[in-house]
Amino acid sequence: MESGPAIFAGVVFALFGGALLAWTGVRVRRGEPVAQGVNQMASAALAGLAAVIALGLGTYCFTRI
């Protein structure tokens, strides 16, 4: 009964993390800023870290099923 919310949360975290990681990679590859007014490397690193954390949380949710 409690696996439904875990599946939903896992899917949301996985989709968000994957999309953020892909978006950040495209922006960095094109040489465009990830965040305006911030150092490009710092913003890319922070966005990449957030994406990896979201993917990790998605994996954690899927292991709780």
PDB file of N, CA and C in Angstrom:
ATOM      1  N   MET A   1       0.816  -1.191   0.000  1.00  0.00           N
ATOM      2  CA  MET A   1       0.000   0.000   0.000  1.00  0.00           C
ATOM      3  C   MET A   1       0.863   1.258   0.000  1.00  0.00           C
ATOM      4  N   GLU A   2       1.997   1.206   0.648  1.00  0.00           N
ATOM      5  CA  GLU A   2       2.854   2.380   0.700  1.00  0.00           C
ATOM      6  C   GLU A   2       3.818   2.441  -0.471  1.00  0.00           C
ATOM      7  N   SER A   3       3.775   1.480  -1.382  1.00  0.00           N
ATOM      8  CA  SER A   3       4.691   1.515  -2.504  1.00  0.00           C
ATOM      9  C   SER A   3       4.262   2.538  -3.555  1.00  0.00           C
ATOM     10  N   GLY A   4       2.989   2.896  -3.602  1.00  0.00           N
ATOM     11  CA  GLY A   4       2.513   3.893  -4.562  1.00  0.00           C
ATOM     12  C   GLY A   4       3.201   5.236  -4.411  1.00  0.00           C
ATOM     13  N   PRO A   5       3.232   5.819  -3.200  1.00  0.00           N
ATOM     14  CA  PRO A   5       3.935   7.095  -3.024  1.00  0.00           C
ATOM     15  C   PRO A   5       5.438   6.983  -3.288  1.00  0.00           C
ATOM     16  N   ALA A   6       6.034   5.843  -2.955  1.00  0.00           N
ATOM     17  CA  ALA A   6       7.468   5.672  -3.207  1.00  0.00           C
ATOM     18  C   ALA A   6       7.746   5.632  -4.709  1.00  0.00           C
ATOM     19  N   ILE A   7       6.878   4.977  -5.460  1.00  0.00           N
ATOM     20  CA  ILE A   7       7.051   4.935  -6.910  1.00  0.00           C
ATOM     21  C   ILE A   7       6.877   6.331  -7.502  1.00  0.00           C
ATOM     22  N   PHE A   8       5.854   7.040  -7.065  1.00  0.00           N
ATOM     23  CA  PHE A   8       5.614   8.397  -7.566  1.00  0.00           C
ATOM     24  C   PHE A   8       6.796   9.308  -7.255  1.00  0.00           C
ATOM     25  N   ALA A   9       7.260   9.302  -6.021  1.00  0.00           N
ATOM     26  CA  ALA A   9       8.382  10.155  -5.632  1.00  0.00           C
ATOM     27  C   ALA A   9       9.646   9.765  -6.388  1.00  0.00           C
ATOM     28  N   GLY A  10       9.869   8.466  -6.562  1.00  0.00           N
ATOM     29  CA  GLY A  10      11.040   8.010  -7.305  1.00  0.00           C
ATOM     30  C   GLY A  10      11.018   8.464  -8.750  1.00  0.00           C
ATOM     31  N   VAL A  11       9.855   8.393  -9.370  1.00  0.00           N
ATOM     32  CA  VAL A  11       9.734   8.838 -10.763  1.00  0.00           C
ATOM     33  C   VAL A  11       9.951  10.337 -10.866  1.00  0.00           C
ATOM     34  N   VAL A  12       9.375  11.094  -9.947  1.00  0.00           N
ATOM     35  CA  VAL A  12       9.534  12.552  -9.981  1.00  0.00           C
ATOM     36  C   VAL A  12      10.993  12.936  -9.795  1.00  0.00           C
ATOM     37  N   PHE A  13      11.657  12.365  -8.810  1.00  0.00           N
ATOM     38  CA  PHE A  13      13.070  12.671  -8.583  1.00  0.00           C
ATOM     39  C   PHE A  13      13.927  12.254  -9.772  1.00  0.00           C
ATOM     40  N   ALA A  14      13.664  11.077 -10.326  1.00  0.00           N
ATOM     41  CA  ALA A  14      14.460  10.595 -11.456  1.00  0.00           C
ATOM     42  C   ALA A  14      14.259  11.472 -12.686  1.00  0.00           C
ATOM     43  N   LEU A  15      13.032  11.846 -12.983  1.00  0.00           N
ATOM     44  CA  LEU A  15      12.782  12.707 -14.138  1.00  0.00           C
ATOM     45  C   LEU A  15      13.410  14.090 -13.952  1.00  0.00           C
ATOM     46  N   PHE A  16      13.253  14.656 -12.762  1.00  0.00           N
ATOM     47  CA  PHE A  16      13.837  15.971 -12.505  1.00  0.00           C
ATOM     48  C   PHE A  16      15.357  15.921 -12.586  1.00  0.00           C
ATOM     49  N   GLY A  17      15.950  14.935 -11.941  1.00  0.00           N
ATOM     50  CA  GLY A  17      17.415  14.828 -11.949  1.00  0.00           C
ATOM     51  C   GLY A  17      17.961  14.595 -13.341  1.00  0.00           C
ATOM     52  N   GLY A  18      17.313  13.715 -14.102  1.00  0.00           N
ATOM     53  CA  GLY A  18      17.772  13.454 -15.461  1.00  0.00           C
ATOM     54  C   GLY A  18      17.623  14.668 -16.362  1.00  0.00           C
ATOM     55  N   ALA A  19      16.494  15.349 -16.258  1.00  0.00           N
ATOM     56  CA  ALA A  19      16.270  16.539 -17.084  1.00  0.00           C
ATOM     57  C   ALA A  19      17.236  17.656 -16.711  1.00  0.00           C
ATOM     58  N   LEU A  20      17.473  17.859 -15.430  1.00  0.00           N
ATOM     59  CA  LEU A  20      18.404  18.900 -14.995  1.00  0.00           C
ATOM     60  C   LEU A  20      19.819  18.588 -15.447  1.00  0.00           C
ATOM     61  N   LEU A  21      20.222  17.333 -15.359  1.00  0.00           N
ATOM     62  CA  LEU A  21      21.552  16.948 -15.793  1.00  0.00           C
ATOM     63  C   LEU A  21      21.709  17.129 -17.298  1.00  0.00           C
ATOM     64  N   ALA A  22      20.699  16.747 -18.073  1.00  0.00           N
ATOM     65  CA  ALA A  22      20.762  16.907 -19.525  1.00  0.00           C
ATOM     66  C   ALA A  22      20.776  18.391 -19.900  1.00  0.00           C
ATOM     67  N   TRP A  23      19.924  19.180 -19.269  1.00  0.00           N
ATOM     68  CA  TRP A  23      19.858  20.612 -19.564  1.00  0.00           C
ATOM     69  C   TRP A  23      21.180  21.297 -19.237  1.00  0.00           C
ATOM     70  N   THR A  24      21.748  20.960 -18.096  1.00  0.00           N
ATOM     71  CA  THR A  24      23.026  21.558 -17.700  1.00  0.00           C
ATOM     72  C   THR A  24      24.127  21.172 -18.683  1.00  0.00           C
ATOM     73  N   GLY A  25      24.135  19.915 -19.095  1.00  0.00           N
ATOM     74  CA  GLY A  25      25.145  19.466 -20.056  1.00  0.00           C
ATOM     75  C   GLY A  25      25.042  20.184 -21.386  1.00  0.00           C
ATOM     76  N   VAL A  26      23.830  20.386 -21.859  1.00  0.00           N
ATOM     77  CA  VAL A  26      23.636  21.097 -23.125  1.00  0.00           C
ATOM     78  C   VAL A  26      24.085  22.545 -23.003  1.00  0.00           C
ATOM     79  N   ARG A  27      23.733  23.195 -21.904  1.00  0.00           N
ATOM     80  CA  ARG A  27      24.118  24.596 -21.719  1.00  0.00           C
ATOM     81  C   ARG A  27      25.641  24.745 -21.646  1.00  0.00           C
ATOM     82  N   VAL A  28      26.294  23.836 -20.941  1.00  0.00           N
ATOM     83  CA  VAL A  28      27.748  23.910 -20.808  1.00  0.00           C
ATOM     84  C   VAL A  28      28.411  23.628 -22.156  1.00  0.00           C
ATOM     85  N   ARG A  29      27.913  22.636 -22.878  1.00  0.00           N
ATOM     86  CA  ARG A  29      28.506  22.286 -24.170  1.00  0.00           C
ATOM     87  C   ARG A  29      28.385  23.431 -25.173  1.00  0.00           C
ATOM     88  N   ARG A  30      27.286  24.159 -25.125  1.00  0.00           N
ATOM     89  CA  ARG A  30      27.090  25.306 -26.023  1.00  0.00           C
ATOM     90  C   ARG A  30      27.824  26.558 -25.547  1.00  0.00           C
ATOM     91  N   GLY A  31      28.341  26.540 -24.344  1.00  0.00           N
ATOM     92  CA  GLY A  31      29.031  27.700 -23.799  1.00  0.00           C
ATOM     93  C   GLY A  31      28.090  28.764 -23.271  1.00  0.00           C
ATOM     94  N   GLU A  32      26.838  28.421 -23.063  1.00  0.00           N
ATOM     95  CA  GLU A  32      25.853  29.363 -22.550  1.00  0.00           C
ATOM     96  C   GLU A  32      25.838  29.303 -21.023  1.00  0.00           C
ATOM     97  N   PRO A  33      25.441  30.391 -20.384  1.00  0.00           N
ATOM     98  CA  PRO A  33      25.418  30.382 -18.913  1.00  0.00           C
ATOM     99  C   PRO A  33      24.304  29.487 -18.374  1.00  0.00           C
ATOM    100  N   VAL A  34      24.595  28.821 -17.287  1.00  0.00           N
ATOM    101  CA  VAL A  34      23.594  27.991 -16.625  1.00  0.00           C
ATOM    102  C   VAL A  34      22.701  28.869 -15.758  1.00  0.00           C
ATOM    103  N   ALA A  35      23.283  29.878 -15.140  1.00  0.00           N
ATOM    104  CA  ALA A  35      22.534  30.858 -14.355  1.00  0.00           C
ATOM    105  C   ALA A  35      23.106  32.237 -14.666  1.00  0.00           C
ATOM    106  N   GLN A  36      22.247  33.208 -14.831  1.00  0.00           N
ATOM    107  CA  GLN A  36      22.714  34.552 -15.163  1.00  0.00           C
ATOM    108  C   GLN A  36      23.364  35.218 -13.965  1.00  0.00           C
ATOM    109  N   GLY A  37      24.473  35.884 -14.227  1.00  0.00           N
ATOM    110  CA  GLY A  37      25.141  36.648 -13.189  1.00  0.00           C
ATOM    111  C   GLY A  37      26.002  35.825 -12.256  1.00  0.00           C
ATOM    112  N   VAL A  38      26.224  34.556 -12.596  1.00  0.00           N
ATOM    113  CA  VAL A  38      27.019  33.681 -11.740  1.00  0.00           C
ATOM    114  C   VAL A  38      28.123  33.078 -12.595  1.00  0.00           C
ATOM    115  N   ASN A  39      29.245  32.783 -11.978  1.00  0.00           N
ATOM    116  CA  ASN A  39      30.342  32.120 -12.677  1.00  0.00           C
ATOM    117  C   ASN A  39      29.822  30.832 -13.323  1.00  0.00           C
ATOM    118  N   GLN A  40      30.178  30.622 -14.604  1.00  0.00           N
ATOM    119  CA  GLN A  40      29.643  29.481 -15.346  1.00  0.00           C
ATOM    120  C   GLN A  40      30.037  28.146 -14.714  1.00  0.00           C
ATOM    121  N   MET A  41      31.265  28.009 -14.278  1.00  0.00           N
ATOM    122  CA  MET A  41      31.706  26.738 -13.699  1.00  0.00           C
ATOM    123  C   MET A  41      31.023  26.472 -12.355  1.00  0.00           C
ATOM    124  N   ALA A  42      30.866  27.521 -11.562  1.00  0.00           N
ATOM    125  CA  ALA A  42      30.219  27.343 -10.261  1.00  0.00           C
ATOM    126  C   ALA A  42      28.756  26.959 -10.420  1.00  0.00           C
ATOM    127  N   SER A  43      28.063  27.619 -11.340  1.00  0.00           N
ATOM    128  CA  SER A  43      26.646  27.306 -11.534  1.00  0.00           C
ATOM    129  C   SER A  43      26.461  25.930 -12.154  1.00  0.00           C
ATOM    130  N   ALA A  44      27.354  25.540 -13.065  1.00  0.00           N
ATOM    131  CA  ALA A  44      27.272  24.203 -13.661  1.00  0.00           C
ATOM    132  C   ALA A  44      27.549  23.130 -12.613  1.00  0.00           C
ATOM    133  N   ALA A  45      28.517  23.383 -11.756  1.00  0.00           N
ATOM    134  CA  ALA A  45      28.830  22.415 -10.701  1.00  0.00           C
ATOM    135  C   ALA A  45      27.673  22.276  -9.718  1.00  0.00           C
ATOM    136  N   LEU A  46      27.082  23.391  -9.348  1.00  0.00           N
ATOM    137  CA  LEU A  46      25.966  23.342  -8.403  1.00  0.00           C
ATOM    138  C   LEU A  46      24.747  22.652  -9.016  1.00  0.00           C
ATOM    139  N   ALA A  47      24.452  22.971 -10.284  1.00  0.00           N
ATOM    140  CA  ALA A  47      23.329  22.325 -10.958  1.00  0.00           C
ATOM    141  C   ALA A  47      23.593  20.831 -11.144  1.00  0.00           C
ATOM    142  N   GLY A  48      24.826  20.477 -11.465  1.00  0.00           N
ATOM    143  CA  GLY A  48      25.182  19.062 -11.597  1.00  0.00           C
ATOM    144  C   GLY A  48      25.055  18.324 -10.275  1.00  0.00           C
ATOM    145  N   LEU A  49      25.465  18.962  -9.207  1.00  0.00           N
ATOM    146  CA  LEU A  49      25.340  18.361  -7.881  1.00  0.00           C
ATOM    147  C   LEU A  49      23.877  18.161  -7.503  1.00  0.00           C
ATOM    148  N   ALA A  50      23.048  19.159  -7.792  1.00  0.00           N
ATOM    149  CA  ALA A  50      21.615  19.034  -7.507  1.00  0.00           C
ATOM    150  C   ALA A  50      21.000  17.901  -8.322  1.00  0.00           C
ATOM    151  N   ALA A  51      21.429  17.751  -9.572  1.00  0.00           N
ATOM    152  CA  ALA A  51      20.910  16.673 -10.415  1.00  0.00           C
ATOM    153  C   ALA A  51      21.316  15.306  -9.879  1.00  0.00           C
ATOM    154  N   VAL A  52      22.560  15.175  -9.462  1.00  0.00           N
ATOM    155  CA  VAL A  52      23.026  13.895  -8.925  1.00  0.00           C
ATOM    156  C   VAL A  52      22.306  13.569  -7.619  1.00  0.00           C
ATOM    157  N   ILE A  53      22.065  14.561  -6.793  1.00  0.00           N
ATOM    158  CA  ILE A  53      21.329  14.343  -5.543  1.00  0.00           C
ATOM    159  C   ILE A  53      19.900  13.900  -5.844  1.00  0.00           C
ATOM    160  N   ALA A  54      19.250  14.543  -6.820  1.00  0.00           N
ATOM    161  CA  ALA A  54      17.888  14.154  -7.182  1.00  0.00           C
ATOM    162  C   ALA A  54      17.857  12.731  -7.728  1.00  0.00           C
ATOM    163  N   LEU A  55      18.838  12.371  -8.549  1.00  0.00           N
ATOM    164  CA  LEU A  55      18.891  11.001  -9.060  1.00  0.00           C
ATOM    165  C   LEU A  55      19.141  10.003  -7.922  1.00  0.00           C
ATOM    166  N   GLY A  56      19.971  10.389  -6.969  1.00  0.00           N
ATOM    167  CA  GLY A  56      20.198   9.539  -5.808  1.00  0.00           C
ATOM    168  C   GLY A  56      18.954   9.358  -4.956  1.00  0.00           C
ATOM    169  N   LEU A  57      18.188  10.426  -4.783  1.00  0.00           N
ATOM    170  CA  LEU A  57      16.935  10.318  -4.041  1.00  0.00           C
ATOM    171  C   LEU A  57      15.930   9.443  -4.777  1.00  0.00           C
ATOM    172  N   GLY A  58      15.897   9.539  -6.103  1.00  0.00           N
ATOM    173  CA  GLY A  58      15.026   8.679  -6.887  1.00  0.00           C
ATOM    174  C   GLY A  58      15.412   7.222  -6.725  1.00  0.00           C
ATOM    175  N   THR A  59      16.699   6.950  -6.750  1.00  0.00           N
ATOM    176  CA  THR A  59      17.169   5.584  -6.544  1.00  0.00           C
ATOM    177  C   THR A  59      16.810   5.087  -5.150  1.00  0.00           C
ATOM    178  N   TYR A  60      16.971   5.947  -4.164  1.00  0.00           N
ATOM    179  CA  TYR A  60      16.610   5.581  -2.798  1.00  0.00           C
ATOM    180  C   TYR A  60      15.125   5.234  -2.685  1.00  0.00           C
ATOM    181  N   CYS A  61      14.282   6.043  -3.325  1.00  0.00           N
ATOM    182  CA  CYS A  61      12.843   5.773  -3.281  1.00  0.00           C
ATOM    183  C   CYS A  61      12.514   4.441  -3.948  1.00  0.00           C
ATOM    184  N   PHE A  62      13.192   4.146  -5.052  1.00  0.00           N
ATOM    185  CA  PHE A  62      12.924   2.886  -5.739  1.00  0.00           C
ATOM    186  C   PHE A  62      13.398   1.667  -4.932  1.00  0.00           C
ATOM    187  N   THR A  63      14.425   1.853  -4.098  1.00  0.00           N
ATOM    188  CA  THR A  63      14.868   0.732  -3.270  1.00  0.00           C
ATOM    189  C   THR A  63      13.945   0.488  -2.087  1.00  0.00           C
ATOM    190  N   ARG A  64      13.064   1.420  -1.781  1.00  0.00           N
ATOM    191  CA  ARG A  64      12.119   1.274  -0.662  1.00  0.00           C
ATOM    192  C   ARG A  64      10.819   0.601  -1.075  1.00  0.00           C
ATOM    193  N   ILE A  65      10.701   0.198  -2.316  1.00  0.00           N
ATOM    194  CA  ILE A  65       9.453  -0.415  -2.789  1.00  0.00           C
ATOM    195  C   ILE A  65       9.346  -1.829  -2.253  1.00  0.00           C
TER     196      ILE A  65
END
